[in-house]
């Protein structure tokens, strides 16, 4: 019963999955990254092959492998660890078969028809003059190996120009081996050579899929170089503040292009045509683990288990918190449907697919995925190829009936809140109101004028009443416009306030009468307060 239940659950998962399991080989012995795999029609027969730069086991047996279907078609030995593998068209010659470029150390090995065609070497860098002087002294036996080591360590800690490989290897030697190392290398000139860290392609002058492309490489010396596809000369050179780790390129070299670079200093720099320095800078929350461009937006995966989206000018759009550390990432471009998503391989043996910040699919694998590639393989357009940490090869095919539904898995407001309401510019109520105003314009104007005259009459009556009762502060001259101040008076009208004061009688007859008292502001004739005294003045003390 348990076996039956397990079998039925796996069949249910297979039915609900958007992918068909085409092939799985756990013993393929493929150890690579997403930057070292590519899909290309190498022979111009319409059948796409898988090109893999295999790192081998523990830095040995590095090979360039080509897969056809589920089997290995050919392999070539590589002299050093590959940093990147890409395919590109070098010329317009027929048949239109792409070349394979393998970046390894300071070299780019170019293969045509899977045979070695050309080797490009990065130009050497200027050596440190202090380092040259120290080795010159060692050549003349003016200093011993221990003194040479102390001087090179001082140069390494303070100099702006890094040491050459020879000096770094010498500093790594044990004391008994230093003398032999110096005697072996002191007669050779100092050379400082950089290495390639990442590589991509850039269309030369057309945006067609089969157009000629240039190679774009990032180096350990914090430079980005664009190479001519035929002569392999340097067409452009741009300098970055840090060493590039990931590249993304769009546009055409002869028209306009944009190079997006994720560097080891935890920042993304954006370079434009004819710019020697970055135009925009994006500071990430952690070290970059991958870089993908989705339409015009930039998506970066970081070591703090986040996926972050930015505009091409550096404005942050969203952040997704991943359930596990990120291992690799790549772009899913479903061209027939115009659908693009970011594929993220996680350390929990899952591959998550995100469209913007929305999770659209989850694939569970048999091992941790270290490289991902989506595209045409064989004669199938939508093929997902993955390699695992244990060297396995996984091939899946997207079902033609697959529909990606967006599920917002991030914290914060729901997806519906970020969707604009489809409010029409002119509602039916607005149109009806406009027609009514157009048909009854004269009557509406008469009503407005009548209300205006009524308001003016009420204001005039209130003004006259204020003058007669002197209950509100107003201006002293009647020629000026009415100014009404809404204040809270200290003396509220209509209430009796008892006030005692002395009144001096000017008559000696001792008669009684009603006395009126006026309180005036200095310099004004308008009374602020009036009072009536109803007692004989002969008493001397009056209460108002």
Protein backbone atom coordinates (compact mmCIF):
# COMPACT_ATOMS: atom_id res chain seq x y z
CA UNK A 1 0.00 0.00 0.00
CA UNK A 2 2.83 2.40 0.82
CA UNK A 3 4.48 1.78 -2.54
CA UNK A 4 1.19 2.34 -4.32
CA UNK A 5 0.64 5.62 -2.46
CA UNK A 6 4.14 6.85 -3.30
CA UNK A 7 3.71 5.94 -6.95
CA UNK A 8 0.35 7.72 -7.17
CA UNK A 9 1.72 10.89 -5.53
CA UNK A 10 4.65 11.04 -7.97
CA UNK A 11 2.25 10.61 -10.89
CA UNK A 12 0.12 13.44 -9.49
CA UNK A 13 3.15 15.71 -9.20
CA UNK A 14 4.15 14.84 -12.76
CA UNK A 15 0.66 15.70 -14.00
CA UNK A 16 0.63 19.04 -12.18
CA UNK A 17 4.15 19.95 -13.28
CA UNK A 18 4.79 22.33 -16.16
CA UNK A 19 7.83 20.30 -17.25
CA UNK A 20 8.45 16.94 -18.87
CA UNK A 21 11.38 14.93 -17.50
CA UNK A 22 13.42 14.25 -20.64
CA UNK A 23 16.71 13.00 -19.20
CA UNK A 24 18.57 12.61 -15.92
CA UNK A 25 22.12 11.24 -15.66
CA UNK A 26 23.56 11.48 -12.12
CA UNK A 27 26.91 10.10 -13.38
CA UNK A 28 27.51 12.58 -16.21
CA UNK A 29 30.57 14.04 -14.39
CA UNK A 30 29.75 17.63 -15.40
CA UNK A 31 31.13 20.21 -12.97
CA UNK A 32 30.41 23.68 -14.24
CA UNK A 33 28.59 26.99 -13.70
CA UNK A 34 25.96 28.92 -15.65
CA UNK A 35 28.63 31.13 -17.25
CA UNK A 36 30.32 28.05 -18.77
CA UNK A 37 27.37 26.51 -20.66
CA UNK A 38 25.79 27.55 -23.96
CA UNK A 39 23.36 26.26 -26.60
CA UNK A 40 24.22 26.69 -30.29
CA UNK A 41 23.69 25.26 -33.77
CA UNK A 42 27.35 24.40 -34.26
CA UNK A 43 26.99 22.72 -37.68
CA UNK A 44 24.22 24.79 -39.26
CA UNK A 45 21.86 21.81 -39.53
CA UNK A 46 19.15 23.21 -37.26
CA UNK A 47 20.04 20.88 -34.39
CA UNK A 48 21.29 22.73 -31.35
CA UNK A 49 24.06 21.27 -29.17
CA UNK A 50 25.03 21.82 -25.56
CA UNK A 51 28.52 23.28 -25.09
CA UNK A 52 29.99 22.89 -21.60
CA UNK A 53 33.24 24.12 -20.10
CA UNK A 54 33.87 21.34 -17.60
CA UNK A 55 36.00 22.29 -14.57
CA UNK A 56 36.85 18.67 -13.87
CA UNK A 57 37.61 17.19 -10.48
CA UNK A 58 39.74 19.34 -8.12
CA UNK A 59 41.07 21.50 -10.95
CA UNK A 60 42.19 18.57 -13.12
CA UNK A 61 40.97 17.14 -16.44
CA UNK A 62 39.38 20.42 -17.61
CA UNK A 63 37.56 19.78 -20.87
CA UNK A 64 35.34 21.42 -23.45
CA UNK A 65 32.43 19.02 -23.90
CA UNK A 66 29.70 19.03 -26.55
CA UNK A 67 26.45 17.11 -25.97
CA UNK A 68 24.02 16.02 -28.65
CA UNK A 69 20.72 14.75 -27.33
CA UNK A 70 21.47 12.75 -24.21
CA UNK A 71 24.98 11.66 -25.16
CA UNK A 72 28.45 13.17 -25.33
CA UNK A 73 29.33 14.05 -28.95
CA UNK A 74 32.90 15.34 -28.53
CA UNK A 75 35.35 16.72 -26.01
CA UNK A 76 38.61 18.70 -26.07
CA UNK A 77 41.23 19.20 -23.39
CA UNK A 78 41.55 22.65 -21.80
CA UNK A 79 44.87 23.87 -20.41
CA UNK A 80 43.36 25.87 -17.55
CA UNK A 81 40.09 26.32 -15.68
CA UNK A 82 37.43 27.95 -17.87
CA UNK A 83 35.96 31.22 -16.62
CA UNK A 84 33.27 31.58 -19.29
CA UNK A 85 32.01 29.90 -22.48
CA UNK A 86 29.97 31.58 -25.19
CA UNK A 87 29.10 31.15 -28.87
CA UNK A 88 29.09 33.93 -31.48
CA UNK A 89 29.16 34.55 -35.23
CA UNK A 90 32.50 35.93 -36.38
CA UNK A 91 31.70 36.72 -40.04
CA UNK A 92 29.09 36.57 -42.79
CA UNK A 93 30.58 33.53 -44.51
CA UNK A 94 28.38 30.59 -45.46
CA UNK A 95 27.46 28.31 -43.86
CA UNK A 96 26.53 30.51 -40.89
CA UNK A 97 28.05 28.40 -38.13
CA UNK A 98 28.94 30.05 -34.82
CA UNK A 99 32.34 29.87 -33.17
CA UNK A 100 32.90 28.79 -29.58
CA UNK A 101 34.91 31.09 -27.29
CA UNK A 102 36.39 29.75 -24.07
CA UNK A 103 37.89 32.24 -21.60
CA UNK A 104 40.64 30.64 -19.54
CA UNK A 105 43.26 32.59 -17.60
CA UNK A 106 44.59 35.47 -19.78
CA UNK A 107 43.53 33.69 -22.99
CA UNK A 108 40.44 33.25 -25.15
CA UNK A 109 40.45 30.04 -27.15
CA UNK A 110 38.29 30.25 -30.27
CA UNK A 111 37.00 27.06 -31.90
CA UNK A 112 35.51 26.80 -35.40
CA UNK A 113 33.75 23.54 -36.24
CA UNK A 114 34.96 22.33 -32.82
CA UNK A 115 38.60 22.70 -33.90
CA UNK A 116 41.12 25.21 -32.49
CA UNK A 117 41.01 28.34 -34.63
CA UNK A 118 42.57 31.27 -32.77
CA UNK A 119 44.01 32.18 -29.37
CA UNK A 120 43.69 35.73 -28.08
CA UNK A 121 45.97 36.90 -25.28
CA UNK A 122 45.22 39.87 -23.05
CA UNK A 123 47.80 42.65 -23.40
CA UNK A 124 50.36 42.71 -20.55
CA UNK A 125 50.15 45.32 -17.82
CA UNK A 126 52.84 47.68 -16.61
CA UNK A 127 54.94 46.17 -13.85
CA UNK A 128 55.63 47.93 -10.58
CA UNK A 129 58.93 49.88 -10.95
CA UNK A 130 59.85 49.23 -7.31
CA UNK A 131 59.36 45.51 -7.89
CA UNK A 132 61.60 45.66 -10.94
CA UNK A 133 64.35 47.42 -8.97
CA UNK A 134 64.21 44.82 -6.19
CA UNK A 135 64.51 41.92 -8.64
CA UNK A 136 67.33 43.73 -10.40
CA UNK A 137 69.21 43.90 -7.10
CA UNK A 138 68.57 40.19 -6.58
CA UNK A 139 69.90 39.53 -10.09
CA UNK A 140 73.15 41.32 -9.25
CA UNK A 141 73.37 39.38 -5.93
CA UNK A 142 73.16 42.61 -3.97
CA UNK A 143 70.48 41.23 -1.61
CA UNK A 144 69.77 37.76 -0.25
CA UNK A 145 66.41 35.95 -0.58
CA UNK A 146 65.23 36.92 2.93
CA UNK A 147 65.87 40.60 2.23
CA UNK A 148 64.09 40.20 -1.12
CA UNK A 149 61.08 38.74 0.69
CA UNK A 150 60.93 41.62 3.19
CA UNK A 151 61.15 44.23 0.44
CA UNK A 152 58.48 42.57 -1.71
CA UNK A 153 56.15 42.30 1.29
CA UNK A 154 56.59 46.03 1.93
CA UNK A 155 55.80 46.81 -1.73
CA UNK A 156 52.75 44.53 -1.68
CA UNK A 157 51.27 46.28 1.36
CA UNK A 158 51.77 49.87 0.17
CA UNK A 159 52.05 50.03 -3.62
CA UNK A 160 49.04 50.83 -5.82
CA UNK A 161 50.23 48.54 -8.64
CA UNK A 162 49.89 44.86 -7.63
CA UNK A 163 52.84 42.50 -7.70
CA UNK A 164 53.47 40.15 -10.58
CA UNK A 165 52.70 36.44 -10.43
CA UNK A 166 56.39 35.69 -10.03
CA UNK A 167 56.68 37.80 -6.87
CA UNK A 168 53.51 36.34 -5.40
CA UNK A 169 54.76 32.81 -6.03
CA UNK A 170 58.09 33.71 -4.45
CA UNK A 171 56.38 35.00 -1.30
CA UNK A 172 54.51 31.70 -1.04
CA UNK A 173 57.75 29.66 -1.05
CA UNK A 174 59.27 28.13 2.08
CA UNK A 175 62.59 29.58 3.25
CA UNK A 176 64.75 26.61 2.04
CA UNK A 177 63.24 26.84 -1.46
CA UNK A 178 63.60 30.62 -1.90
CA UNK A 179 67.19 30.60 -3.13
CA UNK A 180 66.52 28.04 -5.84
CA UNK A 181 63.44 30.02 -6.95
CA UNK A 182 65.47 33.26 -7.20
CA UNK A 183 68.27 31.60 -9.17
CA UNK A 184 65.74 30.11 -11.58
CA UNK A 185 63.77 33.29 -12.33
CA UNK A 186 66.02 36.28 -11.65
CA UNK A 187 67.31 36.41 -15.23
CA UNK A 188 63.82 36.70 -16.74
CA UNK A 189 62.02 40.05 -17.20
CA UNK A 190 59.13 40.96 -14.89
CA UNK A 191 55.73 40.49 -16.54
CA UNK A 192 52.36 41.33 -15.01
CA UNK A 193 49.48 39.57 -16.69
CA UNK A 194 45.80 39.91 -15.88
CA UNK A 195 43.16 37.20 -16.31
CA UNK A 196 39.57 37.07 -17.58
CA UNK A 197 36.79 36.94 -14.98
CA UNK A 198 33.65 37.05 -17.16
CA UNK A 199 32.61 37.19 -20.81
CA UNK A 200 29.57 37.95 -22.96
CA UNK A 201 28.71 39.00 -26.53
CA UNK A 202 27.53 42.24 -28.18
CA UNK A 203 25.95 42.57 -31.62
CA UNK A 204 28.19 44.48 -34.01
CA UNK A 205 25.79 46.54 -36.12
CA UNK A 206 22.49 44.59 -36.39
CA UNK A 207 20.08 43.21 -33.84
CA UNK A 208 19.26 40.04 -35.81
CA UNK A 209 19.73 36.72 -34.09
CA UNK A 210 22.26 35.61 -36.73
CA UNK A 211 24.18 38.90 -36.76
CA UNK A 212 27.94 39.20 -36.23
CA UNK A 213 28.84 39.73 -32.55
CA UNK A 214 31.78 41.15 -30.62
CA UNK A 215 33.23 39.59 -27.50
CA UNK A 216 32.93 41.59 -24.27
CA UNK A 217 35.26 40.53 -21.46
CA UNK A 218 35.89 41.63 -17.88
CA UNK A 219 39.39 41.32 -16.43
CA UNK A 220 41.00 41.04 -13.02
CA UNK A 221 42.52 44.48 -13.59
CA UNK A 222 38.99 46.00 -13.36
CA UNK A 223 38.71 46.65 -17.11
CA UNK A 224 35.97 45.85 -19.64
CA UNK A 225 37.24 45.18 -23.17
CA UNK A 226 35.26 44.87 -26.41
CA UNK A 227 37.02 42.82 -29.10
CA UNK A 228 36.61 42.90 -32.86
CA UNK A 229 35.04 39.60 -34.01
CA UNK A 230 37.44 39.10 -36.94
CA UNK A 231 40.77 40.74 -36.12
CA UNK A 232 40.40 40.33 -32.31
CA UNK A 233 41.71 43.84 -31.72
CA UNK A 234 40.46 45.92 -28.80
CA UNK A 235 37.67 48.21 -30.06
CA UNK A 236 36.85 49.82 -26.70
CA UNK A 237 38.22 49.80 -23.17
CA UNK A 238 36.35 50.92 -20.04
CA UNK A 239 37.61 51.02 -16.46
CA UNK A 240 35.61 50.06 -13.38
CA UNK A 241 36.15 50.81 -9.67
CA UNK A 242 36.29 47.08 -8.89
CA UNK A 243 36.83 43.68 -10.49
CA UNK A 244 33.84 42.57 -12.62
CA UNK A 245 32.17 39.28 -11.71
CA UNK A 246 29.08 39.17 -13.98
CA UNK A 247 28.28 40.82 -17.31
CA UNK A 248 25.07 41.61 -19.18
CA UNK A 249 25.19 43.39 -22.55
CA UNK A 250 22.47 44.81 -24.81
CA UNK A 251 22.41 46.91 -27.99
CA UNK A 252 24.78 47.17 -30.97
CA UNK A 253 28.38 48.35 -30.88
CA UNK A 254 28.08 50.65 -33.92
CA UNK A 255 24.78 52.17 -32.77
CA UNK A 256 24.22 52.24 -29.01
CA UNK A 257 24.91 49.70 -26.29
CA UNK A 258 24.71 49.31 -22.54
CA UNK A 259 27.01 47.10 -20.45
CA UNK A 260 25.78 46.16 -16.97
CA UNK A 261 28.50 44.84 -14.66
CA UNK A 262 28.20 43.34 -11.17
CA UNK A 263 31.51 43.77 -9.34
CA UNK A 264 33.19 42.29 -6.29
CA UNK A 265 32.72 45.48 -4.26
CA UNK A 266 28.99 44.70 -4.02
CA UNK A 267 27.91 47.24 -6.63
CA UNK A 268 26.45 47.19 -10.14
CA UNK A 269 27.88 49.62 -12.69
CA UNK A 270 26.23 50.59 -15.98
CA UNK A 271 28.41 51.64 -18.91
CA UNK A 272 27.23 53.40 -22.06
CA UNK A 273 28.74 53.80 -25.51
CA UNK A 274 31.78 56.11 -25.61
CA UNK A 275 31.91 56.32 -21.82
CA UNK A 276 35.21 55.43 -20.16
CA UNK A 277 33.66 55.43 -16.70
CA UNK A 278 30.36 54.07 -15.33
CA UNK A 279 27.29 56.25 -15.84
CA UNK A 280 25.20 54.74 -13.02
CA UNK A 281 26.04 52.83 -9.84
CA UNK A 282 23.77 50.52 -7.83
CA UNK A 283 24.87 49.54 -4.32
CA UNK A 284 23.68 46.07 -3.40
CA UNK A 285 22.96 44.83 0.11
CA UNK A 286 25.53 42.00 -0.25
CA UNK A 287 27.93 40.39 -2.71
CA UNK A 288 26.38 39.59 -6.12
CA UNK A 289 25.78 35.94 -6.95
CA UNK A 290 24.25 36.47 -10.37
CA UNK A 291 23.02 39.12 -12.80
CA UNK A 292 20.12 38.90 -15.28
CA UNK A 293 18.37 41.52 -17.42
CA UNK A 294 14.60 41.06 -17.81
CA UNK A 295 13.35 43.38 -20.55
CA UNK A 296 14.71 46.75 -19.37
CA UNK A 297 15.05 45.91 -15.70
CA UNK A 298 18.06 44.49 -13.86
CA UNK A 299 17.71 41.55 -11.46
CA UNK A 300 20.59 40.71 -9.13
CA UNK A 301 20.91 37.76 -6.78
CA UNK A 302 22.86 38.44 -3.58
CA UNK A 303 24.64 36.35 -0.97
CA UNK A 304 22.20 37.48 1.74
CA UNK A 305 19.52 35.23 0.17
CA UNK A 306 17.73 38.05 -1.63
CA UNK A 307 16.68 38.74 -5.20
CA UNK A 308 16.60 42.46 -6.02
CA UNK A 309 15.08 44.29 -8.99
CA UNK A 310 16.25 47.68 -10.33
CA UNK A 311 15.59 49.96 -13.26
CA UNK A 312 18.42 50.55 -15.71
CA UNK A 313 19.00 53.92 -14.02
CA UNK A 314 19.47 52.36 -10.59
CA UNK A 315 16.06 52.84 -8.95
CA UNK A 316 15.16 49.92 -6.71
CA UNK A 317 11.86 48.26 -7.59
CA UNK A 318 11.47 45.29 -5.26
CA UNK A 319 13.22 42.70 -3.06
CA UNK A 320 12.39 39.00 -2.72
CA UNK A 321 13.69 36.99 0.25
CA UNK A 322 14.70 33.51 -0.85
CA UNK A 323 14.10 30.41 1.33
CA UNK A 324 17.70 29.18 0.90
CA UNK A 325 21.14 30.43 -0.25
CA UNK A 326 21.39 31.21 -3.96
CA UNK A 327 23.65 28.95 -6.02
CA UNK A 328 23.11 30.14 -9.60
CA UNK A 329 20.66 32.09 -11.74
CA UNK A 330 19.78 32.54 -15.40
CA UNK A 331 17.10 33.91 -17.73
CA UNK A 332 14.07 32.00 -19.00
CA UNK A 333 13.09 33.59 -22.32
CA UNK A 334 9.94 32.04 -23.79
CA UNK A 335 10.09 33.90 -27.11
CA UNK A 336 6.95 32.48 -28.68
CA UNK A 337 4.83 33.83 -25.80
CA UNK A 338 6.94 36.89 -24.98
CA UNK A 339 7.38 35.60 -21.45
CA UNK A 340 10.56 36.21 -19.46
CA UNK A 341 11.40 35.07 -15.93
CA UNK A 342 14.42 34.65 -13.67
CA UNK A 343 15.46 31.10 -12.80
CA UNK A 344 17.18 30.77 -9.42
CA UNK A 345 18.91 27.60 -8.24
CA UNK A 346 18.86 27.28 -4.44
CA UNK A 347 20.83 25.23 -1.95
CA UNK A 348 17.69 23.37 -0.83
CA UNK A 349 17.53 21.41 -4.13
CA UNK A 350 14.89 23.69 -5.65
CA UNK A 351 14.76 25.96 -8.67
CA UNK A 352 12.47 28.97 -8.28
CA UNK A 353 11.20 31.03 -11.19
CA UNK A 354 10.23 34.66 -10.66
CA UNK A 355 8.49 37.12 -12.89
CA UNK A 356 9.34 40.44 -11.27
CA UNK A 357 8.86 39.67 -7.56
CA UNK A 358 6.18 37.04 -8.14
CA UNK A 359 6.93 33.33 -7.86
CA UNK A 360 5.55 31.52 -10.92
CA UNK A 361 6.98 28.02 -10.57
CA UNK A 362 9.08 25.73 -8.36
CA UNK A 363 11.08 22.73 -9.61
CA UNK A 364 12.42 20.19 -7.13
CA UNK A 365 15.60 18.46 -8.22
CA UNK A 366 17.52 15.39 -7.08
CA UNK A 367 20.62 17.44 -6.17
CA UNK A 368 21.71 21.06 -5.70
CA UNK A 369 21.76 22.81 -9.07
CA UNK A 370 24.97 24.67 -9.99
CA UNK A 371 24.18 25.77 -13.57
CA UNK A 372 21.02 26.56 -15.52
CA UNK A 373 20.41 27.18 -19.22
CA UNK A 374 17.11 27.59 -21.11
CA UNK A 375 16.67 27.62 -24.86
CA UNK A 376 16.56 25.52 -28.00
CA UNK A 377 18.21 22.11 -27.66
CA UNK A 378 18.09 19.57 -30.42
CA UNK A 379 14.93 20.58 -32.24
CA UNK A 380 12.93 21.47 -29.14
CA UNK A 381 12.58 25.22 -28.50
CA UNK A 382 11.83 25.31 -24.77
CA UNK A 383 14.37 23.07 -23.06
CA UNK A 384 15.72 23.52 -19.54
CA UNK A 385 19.21 22.13 -18.94
CA UNK A 386 20.72 21.94 -15.46
CA UNK A 387 23.86 20.46 -13.93
CA UNK A 388 24.08 19.46 -10.29
CA UNK A 389 26.70 19.72 -7.58
CA UNK A 390 27.43 16.00 -7.82
CA UNK A 391 28.10 16.22 -11.57
CA UNK A 392 24.64 15.16 -12.78
CA UNK A 393 22.88 16.32 -15.96
CA UNK A 394 19.15 17.17 -15.86
CA UNK A 395 17.11 17.94 -19.01
CA UNK A 396 13.48 19.05 -18.89
CA UNK A 397 11.10 20.22 -21.61
CA UNK A 398 8.41 22.84 -21.03
CA UNK A 399 4.93 21.56 -21.76
CA UNK A 400 3.11 23.36 -24.53
CA UNK A 401 0.06 23.67 -22.27
CA UNK A 402 2.05 25.18 -19.38
CA UNK A 403 0.66 28.41 -17.93
CA UNK A 404 2.68 30.38 -15.39
CA UNK A 405 0.51 31.85 -12.64
CA UNK A 406 1.93 34.65 -10.53
CA UNK A 407 2.05 34.00 -6.78
CA UNK A 408 3.29 36.83 -4.63
CA UNK A 409 5.56 35.16 -2.03
CA UNK A 410 7.22 38.34 -0.76
CA UNK A 411 6.40 40.28 2.39
CA UNK A 412 4.45 43.50 2.12
CA UNK A 413 1.35 44.57 0.18
CA UNK A 414 -0.30 42.06 -2.17
CA UNK A 415 0.19 42.08 -5.93
CA UNK A 416 -3.25 43.60 -6.52
CA UNK A 417 -2.21 46.76 -4.72
CA UNK A 418 0.51 47.50 -7.27
CA UNK A 419 -1.89 47.09 -10.23
CA UNK A 420 -3.37 50.33 -11.48
CA UNK A 421 -7.15 50.60 -11.58
CA UNK A 422 -8.58 50.83 -15.08
CA UNK A 423 -10.36 54.13 -14.47
CA UNK A 424 -11.71 55.56 -17.75
CA UNK A 425 -10.79 59.10 -18.62
CA UNK A 426 -14.45 60.17 -19.19
CA UNK A 427 -17.17 58.33 -17.30
CA UNK A 428 -20.83 58.27 -18.34
CA UNK A 429 -21.72 60.54 -15.43
CA UNK A 430 -19.16 63.09 -16.59
CA UNK A 431 -20.59 63.08 -20.11
CA UNK A 432 -24.16 63.51 -18.85
CA UNK A 433 -23.12 66.41 -16.61
CA UNK A 434 -21.37 68.11 -19.50
CA UNK A 435 -24.43 67.84 -21.74
CA UNK A 436 -26.71 69.20 -18.99
CA UNK A 437 -24.47 72.22 -18.45
CA UNK A 438 -24.35 72.90 -22.18
CA UNK A 439 -28.16 72.78 -22.55
CA UNK A 440 -29.00 74.84 -19.42
CA UNK A 441 -26.14 77.31 -19.43
CA UNK A 442 -28.37 80.45 -19.30
CA UNK A 443 -30.59 79.20 -16.46
CA UNK A 444 -27.56 78.07 -14.47
CA UNK A 445 -25.98 81.50 -14.91
CA UNK A 446 -29.16 83.23 -13.66
CA UNK A 447 -29.23 81.01 -10.57
CA UNK A 448 -25.58 81.78 -9.91
CA UNK A 449 -26.17 85.56 -10.23
CA UNK A 450 -29.21 85.43 -7.93
CA UNK A 451 -27.22 83.56 -5.28
CA UNK A 452 -24.40 86.06 -5.61
CA UNK A 453 -26.74 89.07 -5.13
CA UNK A 454 -28.33 87.33 -2.17
CA UNK A 455 -24.91 86.83 -0.59
CA UNK A 456 -23.99 90.45 -1.12
CA UNK A 457 -27.29 91.59 0.48
CA UNK A 458 -26.71 89.38 3.53
CA UNK A 459 -23.18 90.76 3.90
CA UNK A 460 -24.42 94.39 3.69
CA UNK A 461 -27.09 93.77 6.31
CA UNK A 462 -24.58 92.18 8.64
CA UNK A 463 -22.27 95.16 8.16
CA UNK A 464 -24.99 97.69 9.00
CA UNK A 465 -26.00 95.70 12.04
CA UNK A 466 -22.39 95.63 13.22
CA UNK A 467 -22.14 99.41 12.85
CA UNK A 468 -25.32 100.01 14.83
CA UNK A 469 -24.55 97.66 17.68
CA UNK A 470 -20.76 98.06 17.62
CA UNK A 471 -20.36 94.38 18.32
CA UNK A 472 -17.56 93.54 15.88
CA UNK A 473 -14.21 95.14 15.10
CA UNK A 474 -14.22 96.84 11.69
CA UNK A 475 -12.16 99.40 9.83
CA UNK A 476 -12.40 103.06 10.75
CA UNK A 477 -13.09 104.41 7.26
CA UNK A 478 -16.18 103.48 5.27
CA UNK A 479 -14.43 103.97 1.93
CA UNK A 480 -12.27 100.88 2.45
CA UNK A 481 -13.52 97.32 1.67
CA UNK A 482 -15.14 95.39 4.46
CA UNK A 483 -12.70 93.48 6.63
CA UNK A 484 -14.22 90.98 9.01
CA UNK A 485 -12.09 89.26 11.62
CA UNK A 486 -13.24 86.02 13.21
CA UNK A 487 -11.85 86.31 16.73
CA UNK A 488 -12.94 85.11 20.10
CA UNK A 489 -13.80 88.30 22.04
CA UNK A 490 -12.81 88.74 25.65
CA UNK A 491 -16.22 90.39 26.27
CA UNK A 492 -19.11 88.42 24.85
CA UNK A 493 -22.04 90.60 23.68
CA UNK A 494 -25.38 90.23 25.45
CA UNK A 495 -23.99 89.49 28.90
CA UNK A 496 -23.79 91.80 31.93
CA UNK A 497 -20.33 92.46 33.33
CA UNK A 498 -20.26 94.29 36.76
CA UNK A 499 -17.53 96.99 36.76
CA UNK A 500 -16.90 99.46 39.61
CA UNK A 501 -15.39 102.89 38.99
CA UNK A 502 -15.38 106.42 40.51
CA UNK A 503 -17.51 109.10 38.83
CA UNK A 504 -16.91 112.77 39.49
CA UNK A 505 -19.99 114.97 39.48
CA UNK A 506 -19.40 118.34 37.76
CA UNK A 507 -22.70 119.84 39.00
CA UNK A 508 -23.21 121.09 42.51
CA UNK A 509 -26.97 120.52 42.44
CA UNK A 510 -26.73 116.78 43.30
CA UNK A 511 -29.16 115.57 40.66
CA UNK A 512 -29.53 111.93 39.55
CA UNK A 513 -29.45 110.69 35.92
CA UNK A 514 -28.45 107.79 33.65
CA UNK A 515 -24.80 107.95 32.75
CA UNK A 516 -23.39 106.41 29.53
CA UNK A 517 -19.80 105.16 29.53
CA UNK A 518 -17.79 104.69 26.28
CA UNK A 519 -14.49 102.80 26.05
CA UNK A 520 -12.36 103.96 23.09
CA UNK A 521 -9.09 102.83 21.58
CA UNK A 522 -6.46 105.53 21.53
CA UNK A 523 -6.56 107.49 18.29
CA UNK A 524 -9.97 106.16 17.18
CA UNK A 525 -13.50 107.51 17.55
CA UNK A 526 -15.33 104.23 17.26
CA UNK A 527 -16.24 102.88 20.74
CA UNK A 528 -15.10 99.46 21.71
CA UNK A 529 -17.46 99.23 24.72
CA UNK A 530 -20.55 101.05 25.93
CA UNK A 531 -22.16 100.87 29.39
CA UNK A 532 -25.16 102.40 31.20
CA UNK A 533 -24.97 103.47 34.87
CA UNK A 534 -28.37 103.47 36.62
CA UNK A 535 -27.65 105.08 39.96
CA UNK A 536 -27.32 108.59 41.38
CA UNK A 537 -23.97 110.14 40.74
CA UNK A 538 -24.05 111.84 44.09
CA UNK A 539 -22.97 108.67 45.78
CA UNK A 540 -19.57 108.99 44.14
CA UNK A 541 -19.12 105.26 43.40
CA UNK A 542 -20.88 103.90 40.33
CA UNK A 543 -21.39 100.28 39.29
CA UNK A 544 -21.76 99.67 35.58
